[in-house]
Amino acid sequence: MYSRKTFEEIEQRETEVWACTNQDCNGWMRQDFSFVDTPACPLCHNSMEKEARMLPVVENLTHRMVST
C-alpha cells in the first residue's frame, strides 16, 4: 500500500551568497547568479553583504557560456 522509496542524498556544499543586511528581510541570492558586483536586495532594495551557506549544489550554465 505504501511505497518505501529510498531517496538519494542531495549533495550540499558551502556556497558564497549575497544576504540582505536588513534584519527584517530574508532576501539572499547565490553569488554565481548575481549580475552585478555588489547587488541590492531584490525584495527591499537594501544593501547586501557576502556570506557562506550550506546549499544544494546548483551549476550555473549561463555563467559558463558567457565567460567563454
Protein backbone atom coordinates (compact mmCIF):
# COMPACT_ATOMS: atom_id res chain seq x y z
CA MET A 1 0.00 0.00 0.00
CA TYR A 2 2.77 2.45 0.90
CA SER A 3 5.98 2.65 -1.06
CA ARG A 4 9.28 2.63 0.81
CA LYS A 5 11.32 4.51 -1.74
CA THR A 6 14.85 5.33 -0.87
CA PHE A 7 15.86 8.82 -1.84
CA GLU A 8 19.40 9.67 -2.75
CA GLU A 9 21.23 12.22 -0.63
CA ILE A 10 21.37 15.70 -2.18
CA GLU A 11 24.95 16.94 -2.28
CA GLN A 12 25.47 20.16 -0.37
CA ARG A 13 28.44 22.47 -0.48
CA GLU A 14 29.45 25.69 1.25
CA THR A 15 28.33 28.36 -1.23
CA GLU A 16 29.06 32.08 -1.39
CA VAL A 17 25.82 34.10 -1.27
CA TRP A 18 24.72 37.71 -1.02
CA ALA A 19 22.48 38.25 2.03
CA CYS A 20 20.34 41.31 2.76
CA THR A 21 21.64 43.50 5.61
CA ASN A 22 18.09 44.40 6.72
CA GLN A 23 17.25 42.24 9.77
CA ASP A 24 13.54 42.15 8.80
CA CYS A 25 14.24 40.85 5.27
CA ASN A 26 15.10 37.25 4.34
CA GLY A 27 16.43 38.14 0.89
CA TRP A 28 19.53 36.35 -0.41
CA MET A 29 20.97 35.08 -3.71
CA ARG A 30 23.82 32.88 -4.81
CA GLN A 31 26.88 34.86 -5.83
CA ASP A 32 27.12 32.85 -9.08
CA PHE A 33 23.64 34.02 -10.09
CA SER A 34 24.24 37.73 -9.44
CA PHE A 35 24.57 40.02 -12.47
CA VAL A 36 26.44 42.85 -10.70
CA ASP A 37 29.44 43.02 -8.37
CA THR A 38 27.50 44.44 -5.39
CA PRO A 39 23.77 43.79 -5.79
CA ALA A 40 20.89 45.44 -3.95
CA CYS A 41 18.28 43.23 -2.31
CA PRO A 42 15.57 42.40 -4.88
CA LEU A 43 12.93 42.38 -2.10
CA CYS A 44 13.61 45.53 -0.05
CA HIS A 45 16.39 47.26 -2.10
CA ASN A 46 18.78 47.45 0.90
CA SER A 47 22.47 46.70 0.57
CA MET A 48 23.71 43.11 0.65
CA GLU A 49 26.84 41.50 2.09
CA LYS A 50 28.70 38.29 1.28
CA GLU A 51 28.34 35.24 3.47
CA ALA A 52 28.62 31.46 3.09
CA ARG A 53 25.78 28.92 3.44
CA MET A 54 25.46 25.18 3.06
CA LEU A 55 23.24 24.77 -0.01
CA PRO A 56 22.42 22.07 -2.56
CA VAL A 57 24.85 22.14 -5.47
CA VAL A 58 23.47 24.02 -8.48
CA GLU A 59 25.57 24.67 -11.57
CA ASN A 60 25.10 27.98 -13.39
CA LEU A 61 25.44 27.01 -17.05
CA THR A 62 24.69 30.55 -18.26
CA HIS A 63 27.70 31.92 -16.37
CA ARG A 64 29.96 29.36 -18.07
CA MET A 65 28.60 30.21 -21.56
CA VAL A 66 29.08 33.97 -21.07
CA SER A 67 32.67 33.67 -19.80
CA THR A 68 33.89 31.55 -22.75
